[in-house]
Amino acid sequence: MGLVEIIKALEQDAHEELLLHGEIVTHKHLSRVFSQEPPLVGLVTKGRVMETWYYGKKPILGIDIYMEGEVFIVPRPKAYSVAYIGLELDNRVCFLSSAQMYEPLRDNPMANRELWELIQKREALAAWKLIQAEIPGYESRVLKELIRLAFKSPSKQRNRFYEVKATQAQLGLLSGVSRVNVTHTIEKLRRGKSVGGYVFRNSLIEKGEKPRATVVRFDANDVKGYLNSLGEEGRIPDVYSL
């Protein structure tokens, strides 16, 4: 099933929570379907998606992550009191959130947890078999293609799931984190330090400044010289902000 067919299928049988430009998804919308900590899964049908993390109601950073025709997976914040996700849409996106992908497993918490663990391990075939067993008559073609795209080999295409997970972990957006710690982490990474092969370039967020960050996957030994060669306005070719 090709990408065009996926988009057509999704638009014909779209999730009821299809969002339009300017609408925000907050933790209040997501908490009811995130009881087992699955990620938010979707496919951008038009425009692009911006992921924004908030500390309370104050945005900490924003990252352009996915463009038209791309599947995205966003992990659930560990503590809603500290941070939540807002997805600002330039146009629209078809959400295949846990309301559609995971909620049928709500009556079987063990299966739900097992599915989540399989996805984390990138065991696509096992995850798909579990879904088939637990959700008879499900829209298998669309879901199967989403899983296939999500688990593409990193050697052929970056595995965006792990990059988004790294974004959450590197910036310390977990329970008990203060803005000072987040700022310190950003500044530490700006100086060319790498954690797990991921580097973050971000200006300090001041009043009136639009949060922005870029993420590049690079070998840790080459990071510092590479970033220095870009200059302040340098464009990184392999980033979320395309």
C-alpha atoms as a PDB file:
ATOM      1  CA  MET A   1       0.000   0.000   0.000  1.00  0.00           C
ATOM      2  CA  GLY A   2       1.585   3.239  -1.147  1.00  0.00           C
ATOM      3  CA  LEU A   3       1.652   6.584   0.612  1.00  0.00           C
ATOM      4  CA  VAL A   4      -1.036   8.108  -1.618  1.00  0.00           C
ATOM      5  CA  GLU A   5      -3.373   5.215  -0.840  1.00  0.00           C
ATOM      6  CA  ILE A   6      -2.705   5.584   2.893  1.00  0.00           C
ATOM      7  CA  ILE A   7      -3.561   9.272   2.838  1.00  0.00           C
ATOM      8  CA  LYS A   8      -6.746   8.638   0.860  1.00  0.00           C
ATOM      9  CA  ALA A   9      -7.782   5.856   3.232  1.00  0.00           C
ATOM     10  CA  LEU A  10      -7.111   8.003   6.273  1.00  0.00           C
ATOM     11  CA  GLU A  11      -9.021  10.967   4.881  1.00  0.00           C
ATOM     12  CA  GLN A  12     -12.000   8.763   4.047  1.00  0.00           C
ATOM     13  CA  ASP A  13     -12.071   7.193   7.506  1.00  0.00           C
ATOM     14  CA  ALA A  14     -10.450   9.947   9.552  1.00  0.00           C
ATOM     15  CA  HIS A  15     -10.272  10.010  13.297  1.00  0.00           C
ATOM     16  CA  GLU A  16     -13.111  12.032  14.771  1.00  0.00           C
ATOM     17  CA  GLU A  17     -10.578  14.346  16.406  1.00  0.00           C
ATOM     18  CA  LEU A  18      -9.296  15.698  13.100  1.00  0.00           C
ATOM     19  CA  LEU A  19      -7.807  19.083  13.916  1.00  0.00           C
ATOM     20  CA  LEU A  20      -7.579  22.257  11.887  1.00  0.00           C
ATOM     21  CA  HIS A  21      -4.962  25.000  11.686  1.00  0.00           C
ATOM     22  CA  GLY A  22      -4.368  26.747  14.989  1.00  0.00           C
ATOM     23  CA  GLU A  23      -5.960  24.122  17.213  1.00  0.00           C
ATOM     24  CA  ILE A  24      -3.914  22.784  20.106  1.00  0.00           C
ATOM     25  CA  VAL A  25      -3.888  19.306  21.608  1.00  0.00           C
ATOM     26  CA  THR A  26      -3.170  19.526  25.343  1.00  0.00           C
ATOM     27  CA  HIS A  27      -2.725  16.931  28.036  1.00  0.00           C
ATOM     28  CA  LYS A  28      -6.412  17.283  28.922  1.00  0.00           C
ATOM     29  CA  HIS A  29      -7.356  15.976  25.496  1.00  0.00           C
ATOM     30  CA  LEU A  30      -4.814  13.191  25.630  1.00  0.00           C
ATOM     31  CA  SER A  31      -4.960  11.948  29.212  1.00  0.00           C
ATOM     32  CA  ARG A  32      -8.113   9.894  28.726  1.00  0.00           C
ATOM     33  CA  VAL A  33      -6.439   7.764  26.079  1.00  0.00           C
ATOM     34  CA  PHE A  34      -2.956   7.599  27.529  1.00  0.00           C
ATOM     35  CA  SER A  35      -3.616   5.389  30.544  1.00  0.00           C
ATOM     36  CA  GLN A  36      -1.003   2.878  29.388  1.00  0.00           C
ATOM     37  CA  GLU A  37       1.505   5.457  28.129  1.00  0.00           C
ATOM     38  CA  PRO A  38       1.243   4.792  24.405  1.00  0.00           C
ATOM     39  CA  PRO A  39       2.516   7.506  22.065  1.00  0.00           C
ATOM     40  CA  LEU A  40       0.402   9.770  19.911  1.00  0.00           C
ATOM     41  CA  VAL A  41       0.540   8.394  16.375  1.00  0.00           C
ATOM     42  CA  GLY A  42      -0.570  10.231  13.288  1.00  0.00           C
ATOM     43  CA  LEU A  43      -0.053  10.930   9.642  1.00  0.00           C
ATOM     44  CA  VAL A  44       0.186  14.478   8.313  1.00  0.00           C
ATOM     45  CA  THR A  45      -2.217  14.783   5.397  1.00  0.00           C
ATOM     46  CA  LYS A  46      -1.548  18.442   4.621  1.00  0.00           C
ATOM     47  CA  GLY A  47       0.787  21.128   5.887  1.00  0.00           C
ATOM     48  CA  ARG A  48       3.157  20.334   8.733  1.00  0.00           C
ATOM     49  CA  VAL A  49       3.111  19.679  12.483  1.00  0.00           C
ATOM     50  CA  MET A  50       4.871  21.651  15.205  1.00  0.00           C
ATOM     51  CA  GLU A  51       5.523  19.960  18.533  1.00  0.00           C
ATOM     52  CA  THR A  52       5.703  22.393  21.441  1.00  0.00           C
ATOM     53  CA  TRP A  53       6.593  21.539  25.030  1.00  0.00           C
ATOM     54  CA  TYR A  54       5.186  23.724  27.801  1.00  0.00           C
ATOM     55  CA  TYR A  55       6.196  24.309  31.396  1.00  0.00           C
ATOM     56  CA  GLY A  56       2.841  25.138  32.917  1.00  0.00           C
ATOM     57  CA  LYS A  57       1.401  27.465  30.281  1.00  0.00           C
ATOM     58  CA  LYS A  58       4.746  28.857  29.182  1.00  0.00           C
ATOM     59  CA  PRO A  59       6.257  27.313  26.054  1.00  0.00           C
ATOM     60  CA  ILE A  60       9.777  26.014  26.587  1.00  0.00           C
ATOM     61  CA  LEU A  61      10.646  25.060  23.043  1.00  0.00           C
ATOM     62  CA  GLY A  62       9.066  24.333  19.694  1.00  0.00           C
ATOM     63  CA  ILE A  63      10.262  21.937  17.044  1.00  0.00           C
ATOM     64  CA  ASP A  64       8.963  21.576  13.508  1.00  0.00           C
ATOM     65  CA  ILE A  65       8.929  17.833  13.210  1.00  0.00           C
ATOM     66  CA  TYR A  66       6.859  16.363  10.413  1.00  0.00           C
ATOM     67  CA  MET A  67       5.868  17.449   6.946  1.00  0.00           C
ATOM     68  CA  GLU A  68       3.054  16.384   4.626  1.00  0.00           C
ATOM     69  CA  GLY A  69       2.870  12.650   4.052  1.00  0.00           C
ATOM     70  CA  GLU A  70       4.959  11.702   7.089  1.00  0.00           C
ATOM     71  CA  VAL A  71       4.013   9.518  10.034  1.00  0.00           C
ATOM     72  CA  PHE A  72       4.861  10.895  13.452  1.00  0.00           C
ATOM     73  CA  ILE A  73       4.988   9.370  16.920  1.00  0.00           C
ATOM     74  CA  VAL A  74       5.108  11.588  20.007  1.00  0.00           C
ATOM     75  CA  PRO A  75       5.645  10.056  23.477  1.00  0.00           C
ATOM     76  CA  ARG A  76       3.435  10.933  26.421  1.00  0.00           C
ATOM     77  CA  PRO A  77       4.890  13.299  29.038  1.00  0.00           C
ATOM     78  CA  LYS A  78       5.684  11.470  32.255  1.00  0.00           C
ATOM     79  CA  ALA A  79       4.021  14.107  34.426  1.00  0.00           C
ATOM     80  CA  TYR A  80       1.225  16.339  33.218  1.00  0.00           C
ATOM     81  CA  SER A  81       1.888  18.796  36.043  1.00  0.00           C
ATOM     82  CA  VAL A  82       5.310  19.600  34.590  1.00  0.00           C
ATOM     83  CA  ALA A  83       4.865  19.561  30.842  1.00  0.00           C
ATOM     84  CA  TYR A  84       2.359  18.785  28.167  1.00  0.00           C
ATOM     85  CA  ILE A  85       2.412  18.568  24.405  1.00  0.00           C
ATOM     86  CA  GLY A  86       0.750  21.039  22.087  1.00  0.00           C
ATOM     87  CA  LEU A  87       0.607  20.222  18.411  1.00  0.00           C
ATOM     88  CA  GLU A  88       0.219  23.398  16.376  1.00  0.00           C
ATOM     89  CA  LEU A  89      -0.934  22.573  12.889  1.00  0.00           C
ATOM     90  CA  ASP A  90      -0.130  24.663   9.837  1.00  0.00           C
ATOM     91  CA  ASN A  91      -3.008  22.957   8.088  1.00  0.00           C
ATOM     92  CA  ARG A  92      -4.373  19.654   9.287  1.00  0.00           C
ATOM     93  CA  VAL A  93      -3.296  16.235  10.421  1.00  0.00           C
ATOM     94  CA  CYS A  94      -5.113  12.939  10.721  1.00  0.00           C
ATOM     95  CA  PHE A  95      -4.535  11.599  14.218  1.00  0.00           C
ATOM     96  CA  LEU A  96      -4.307   7.883  14.800  1.00  0.00           C
ATOM     97  CA  SER A  97      -3.911   8.426  18.510  1.00  0.00           C
ATOM     98  CA  SER A  98      -4.412   5.799  21.173  1.00  0.00           C
ATOM     99  CA  ALA A  99      -8.142   6.473  20.939  1.00  0.00           C
ATOM    100  CA  GLN A 100      -7.971   4.621  17.643  1.00  0.00           C
ATOM    101  CA  MET A 101      -4.843   2.522  17.854  1.00  0.00           C
ATOM    102  CA  TYR A 102      -4.723   1.490  21.498  1.00  0.00           C
ATOM    103  CA  GLU A 103      -8.122   1.974  23.085  1.00  0.00           C
ATOM    104  CA  PRO A 104      -9.417  -1.405  21.849  1.00  0.00           C
ATOM    105  CA  LEU A 105      -6.762  -2.913  24.129  1.00  0.00           C
ATOM    106  CA  ARG A 106      -8.043  -0.993  27.157  1.00  0.00           C
ATOM    107  CA  ASP A 107      -9.771  -4.113  28.496  1.00  0.00           C
ATOM    108  CA  ASN A 108      -6.495  -5.993  28.333  1.00  0.00           C
ATOM    109  CA  PRO A 109      -3.837  -3.901  30.131  1.00  0.00           C
ATOM    110  CA  MET A 110      -1.213  -6.612  29.792  1.00  0.00           C
ATOM    111  CA  ALA A 111      -1.638  -6.718  26.011  1.00  0.00           C
ATOM    112  CA  ASN A 112      -1.514  -2.929  25.876  1.00  0.00           C
ATOM    113  CA  ARG A 113       1.712  -2.852  27.867  1.00  0.00           C
ATOM    114  CA  GLU A 114       3.165  -5.631  25.757  1.00  0.00           C
ATOM    115  CA  LEU A 115       2.341  -3.719  22.572  1.00  0.00           C
ATOM    116  CA  TRP A 116       3.981  -0.566  23.920  1.00  0.00           C
ATOM    117  CA  GLU A 117       7.132  -2.522  24.810  1.00  0.00           C
ATOM    118  CA  LEU A 118       7.260  -4.126  21.372  1.00  0.00           C
ATOM    119  CA  ILE A 119       7.029  -0.724  19.715  1.00  0.00           C
ATOM    120  CA  GLN A 120       9.832   0.607  21.906  1.00  0.00           C
ATOM    121  CA  LYS A 121      11.998  -2.336  20.827  1.00  0.00           C
ATOM    122  CA  ARG A 122      11.078  -1.773  17.154  1.00  0.00           C
ATOM    123  CA  GLU A 123       9.710  -5.323  16.898  1.00  0.00           C
ATOM    124  CA  ALA A 124       7.209  -4.414  14.214  1.00  0.00           C
ATOM    125  CA  LEU A 125       6.096  -7.905  13.208  1.00  0.00           C
ATOM    126  CA  ALA A 126       5.399  -9.008  16.777  1.00  0.00           C
ATOM    127  CA  ALA A 127       3.542  -5.756  17.460  1.00  0.00           C
ATOM    128  CA  TRP A 128       1.422  -6.238  14.366  1.00  0.00           C
ATOM    129  CA  LYS A 129       0.578  -9.839  15.308  1.00  0.00           C
ATOM    130  CA  LEU A 130      -0.491  -8.691  18.768  1.00  0.00           C
ATOM    131  CA  ILE A 131      -2.743  -6.017  17.271  1.00  0.00           C
ATOM    132  CA  GLN A 132      -4.278  -8.568  14.899  1.00  0.00           C
ATOM    133  CA  ALA A 133      -4.978 -10.912  17.798  1.00  0.00           C
ATOM    134  CA  GLU A 134      -6.490  -8.250  20.048  1.00  0.00           C
ATOM    135  CA  ILE A 135      -8.462  -6.188  17.514  1.00  0.00           C
ATOM    136  CA  PRO A 136     -10.489  -8.437  15.182  1.00  0.00           C
ATOM    137  CA  GLY A 137     -11.689  -6.693  12.038  1.00  0.00           C
ATOM    138  CA  TYR A 138      -9.466  -3.683  12.567  1.00  0.00           C
ATOM    139  CA  GLU A 139      -8.475  -1.373   9.699  1.00  0.00           C
ATOM    140  CA  SER A 140      -5.451  -3.537   9.145  1.00  0.00           C
ATOM    141  CA  ARG A 141      -4.135  -2.013   5.933  1.00  0.00           C
ATOM    142  CA  VAL A 142      -3.742   1.480   7.345  1.00  0.00           C
ATOM    143  CA  LEU A 143      -2.361   0.333  10.681  1.00  0.00           C
ATOM    144  CA  LYS A 144       0.011  -2.146   9.096  1.00  0.00           C
ATOM    145  CA  GLU A 145       1.425   0.564   6.854  1.00  0.00           C
ATOM    146  CA  LEU A 146       1.802   2.942   9.790  1.00  0.00           C
ATOM    147  CA  ILE A 147       3.750   0.309  11.688  1.00  0.00           C
ATOM    148  CA  ARG A 148       5.882  -0.438   8.651  1.00  0.00           C
ATOM    149  CA  LEU A 149       6.736   3.247   8.252  1.00  0.00           C
ATOM    150  CA  ALA A 150       7.376   3.702  11.969  1.00  0.00           C
ATOM    151  CA  PHE A 151       9.792   0.782  12.061  1.00  0.00           C
ATOM    152  CA  LYS A 152      11.778   1.484   8.907  1.00  0.00           C
ATOM    153  CA  SER A 153      15.435   0.645   9.202  1.00  0.00           C
ATOM    154  CA  PRO A 154      17.447   3.639  10.465  1.00  0.00           C
ATOM    155  CA  SER A 155      19.998   2.871   7.754  1.00  0.00           C
ATOM    156  CA  LYS A 156      17.380   3.706   5.117  1.00  0.00           C
ATOM    157  CA  GLN A 157      15.475   6.433   6.924  1.00  0.00           C
ATOM    158  CA  ARG A 158      15.904   8.056  10.323  1.00  0.00           C
ATOM    159  CA  ASN A 159      13.775   6.401  12.971  1.00  0.00           C
ATOM    160  CA  ARG A 160      11.830   9.440  14.109  1.00  0.00           C
ATOM    161  CA  PHE A 161      10.330   7.629  17.091  1.00  0.00           C
ATOM    162  CA  TYR A 162      13.684   7.399  18.802  1.00  0.00           C
ATOM    163  CA  GLU A 163      14.602  10.956  17.891  1.00  0.00           C
ATOM    164  CA  VAL A 164      11.439  12.280  19.505  1.00  0.00           C
ATOM    165  CA  LYS A 165      12.066  10.100  22.557  1.00  0.00           C
ATOM    166  CA  ALA A 166      15.566  11.531  22.745  1.00  0.00           C
ATOM    167  CA  THR A 167      14.187  15.061  22.570  1.00  0.00           C
ATOM    168  CA  GLN A 168      12.024  14.407  25.599  1.00  0.00           C
ATOM    169  CA  ALA A 169      14.811  12.749  27.579  1.00  0.00           C
ATOM    170  CA  GLN A 170      17.652  15.102  26.675  1.00  0.00           C
ATOM    171  CA  LEU A 171      15.763  18.217  27.718  1.00  0.00           C
ATOM    172  CA  GLY A 172      14.750  16.591  30.982  1.00  0.00           C
ATOM    173  CA  LEU A 173      11.025  17.122  30.556  1.00  0.00           C
ATOM    174  CA  LEU A 174      10.160  14.588  33.222  1.00  0.00           C
ATOM    175  CA  SER A 175       8.547  14.916  36.626  1.00  0.00           C
ATOM    176  CA  GLY A 176      10.295  17.260  39.038  1.00  0.00           C
ATOM    177  CA  VAL A 177      12.325  19.129  36.429  1.00  0.00           C
ATOM    178  CA  SER A 178      12.739  22.877  36.853  1.00  0.00           C
ATOM    179  CA  ARG A 179      13.186  25.438  34.109  1.00  0.00           C
ATOM    180  CA  VAL A 180      16.712  26.073  35.398  1.00  0.00           C
ATOM    181  CA  ASN A 181      17.642  22.458  34.770  1.00  0.00           C
ATOM    182  CA  VAL A 182      16.130  22.563  31.298  1.00  0.00           C
ATOM    183  CA  THR A 183      18.022  25.761  30.477  1.00  0.00           C
ATOM    184  CA  HIS A 184      21.261  24.277  31.816  1.00  0.00           C
ATOM    185  CA  THR A 185      20.782  21.171  29.694  1.00  0.00           C
ATOM    186  CA  ILE A 186      20.170  23.234  26.564  1.00  0.00           C
ATOM    187  CA  GLU A 187      23.240  25.372  27.199  1.00  0.00           C
ATOM    188  CA  LYS A 188      25.365  22.305  27.886  1.00  0.00           C
ATOM    189  CA  LEU A 189      24.280  20.770  24.597  1.00  0.00           C
ATOM    190  CA  ARG A 190      24.845  24.035  22.716  1.00  0.00           C
ATOM    191  CA  ARG A 191      28.520  23.839  23.593  1.00  0.00           C
ATOM    192  CA  GLY A 192      28.835  20.748  21.437  1.00  0.00           C
ATOM    193  CA  LYS A 193      28.219  18.025  23.981  1.00  0.00           C
ATOM    194  CA  SER A 194      26.232  15.047  22.772  1.00  0.00           C
ATOM    195  CA  VAL A 195      24.107  12.549  24.646  1.00  0.00           C
ATOM    196  CA  GLY A 196      23.309   9.369  22.796  1.00  0.00           C
ATOM    197  CA  GLY A 197      24.489  10.866  19.527  1.00  0.00           C
ATOM    198  CA  TYR A 198      21.915  13.661  19.513  1.00  0.00           C
ATOM    199  CA  VAL A 199      22.795  17.332  19.572  1.00  0.00           C
ATOM    200  CA  PHE A 200      20.455  20.224  20.320  1.00  0.00           C
ATOM    201  CA  ARG A 201      20.942  23.810  19.171  1.00  0.00           C
ATOM    202  CA  ASN A 202      18.657  26.227  20.971  1.00  0.00           C
ATOM    203  CA  SER A 203      18.758  29.862  21.958  1.00  0.00           C
ATOM    204  CA  LEU A 204      17.678  30.732  25.479  1.00  0.00           C
ATOM    205  CA  ILE A 205      13.972  31.421  25.560  1.00  0.00           C
ATOM    206  CA  GLU A 206      13.297  35.009  26.566  1.00  0.00           C
ATOM    207  CA  LYS A 207      10.036  36.962  26.663  1.00  0.00           C
ATOM    208  CA  GLY A 208       8.679  37.517  23.205  1.00  0.00           C
ATOM    209  CA  GLU A 209      11.163  35.166  21.586  1.00  0.00           C
ATOM    210  CA  LYS A 210       9.717  32.344  19.562  1.00  0.00           C
ATOM    211  CA  PRO A 211      10.889  29.000  20.962  1.00  0.00           C
ATOM    212  CA  ARG A 212      12.964  27.137  18.443  1.00  0.00           C
ATOM    213  CA  ALA A 213      15.253  24.159  18.373  1.00  0.00           C
ATOM    214  CA  THR A 214      16.883  21.987  15.790  1.00  0.00           C
ATOM    215  CA  VAL A 215      17.957  18.405  16.202  1.00  0.00           C
ATOM    216  CA  VAL A 216      20.670  16.659  14.252  1.00  0.00           C
ATOM    217  CA  ARG A 217      21.854  13.090  14.470  1.00  0.00           C
ATOM    218  CA  PHE A 218      25.623  12.983  14.215  1.00  0.00           C
ATOM    219  CA  ASP A 219      28.647  11.170  15.529  1.00  0.00           C
ATOM    220  CA  ALA A 220      29.553  12.676  18.901  1.00  0.00           C
ATOM    221  CA  ASN A 221      33.213  13.192  17.920  1.00  0.00           C
ATOM    222  CA  ASP A 222      32.294  15.302  14.889  1.00  0.00           C
ATOM    223  CA  VAL A 223      29.596  17.403  16.507  1.00  0.00           C
ATOM    224  CA  LYS A 224      31.515  20.436  17.728  1.00  0.00           C
ATOM    225  CA  GLY A 225      33.327  21.218  14.490  1.00  0.00           C
ATOM    226  CA  TYR A 226      30.182  20.587  12.474  1.00  0.00           C
ATOM    227  CA  LEU A 227      28.093  23.026  14.489  1.00  0.00           C
ATOM    228  CA  ASN A 228      30.871  25.626  14.443  1.00  0.00           C
ATOM    229  CA  SER A 229      31.057  25.408  10.662  1.00  0.00           C
ATOM    230  CA  LEU A 230      27.376  26.287  10.331  1.00  0.00           C
ATOM    231  CA  GLY A 231      27.566  29.748  11.856  1.00  0.00           C
ATOM    232  CA  GLU A 232      24.758  31.351  13.828  1.00  0.00           C
ATOM    233  CA  GLU A 233      22.271  31.190  10.952  1.00  0.00           C
ATOM    234  CA  GLY A 234      23.584  27.922   9.559  1.00  0.00           C
ATOM    235  CA  ARG A 235      21.108  25.421   8.193  1.00  0.00           C
ATOM    236  CA  ILE A 236      21.422  21.815   9.252  1.00  0.00           C
ATOM    237  CA  PRO A 237      20.305  19.545   6.396  1.00  0.00           C
ATOM    238  CA  ASP A 238      19.214  16.572   8.510  1.00  0.00           C
ATOM    239  CA  VAL A 239      16.815  18.139  10.992  1.00  0.00           C
ATOM    240  CA  TYR A 240      13.184  18.290  12.033  1.00  0.00           C
ATOM    241  CA  SER A 241      12.843  21.900  10.867  1.00  0.00           C
ATOM    242  CA  LEU A 242      12.835  21.307   7.129  1.00  0.00           C
END
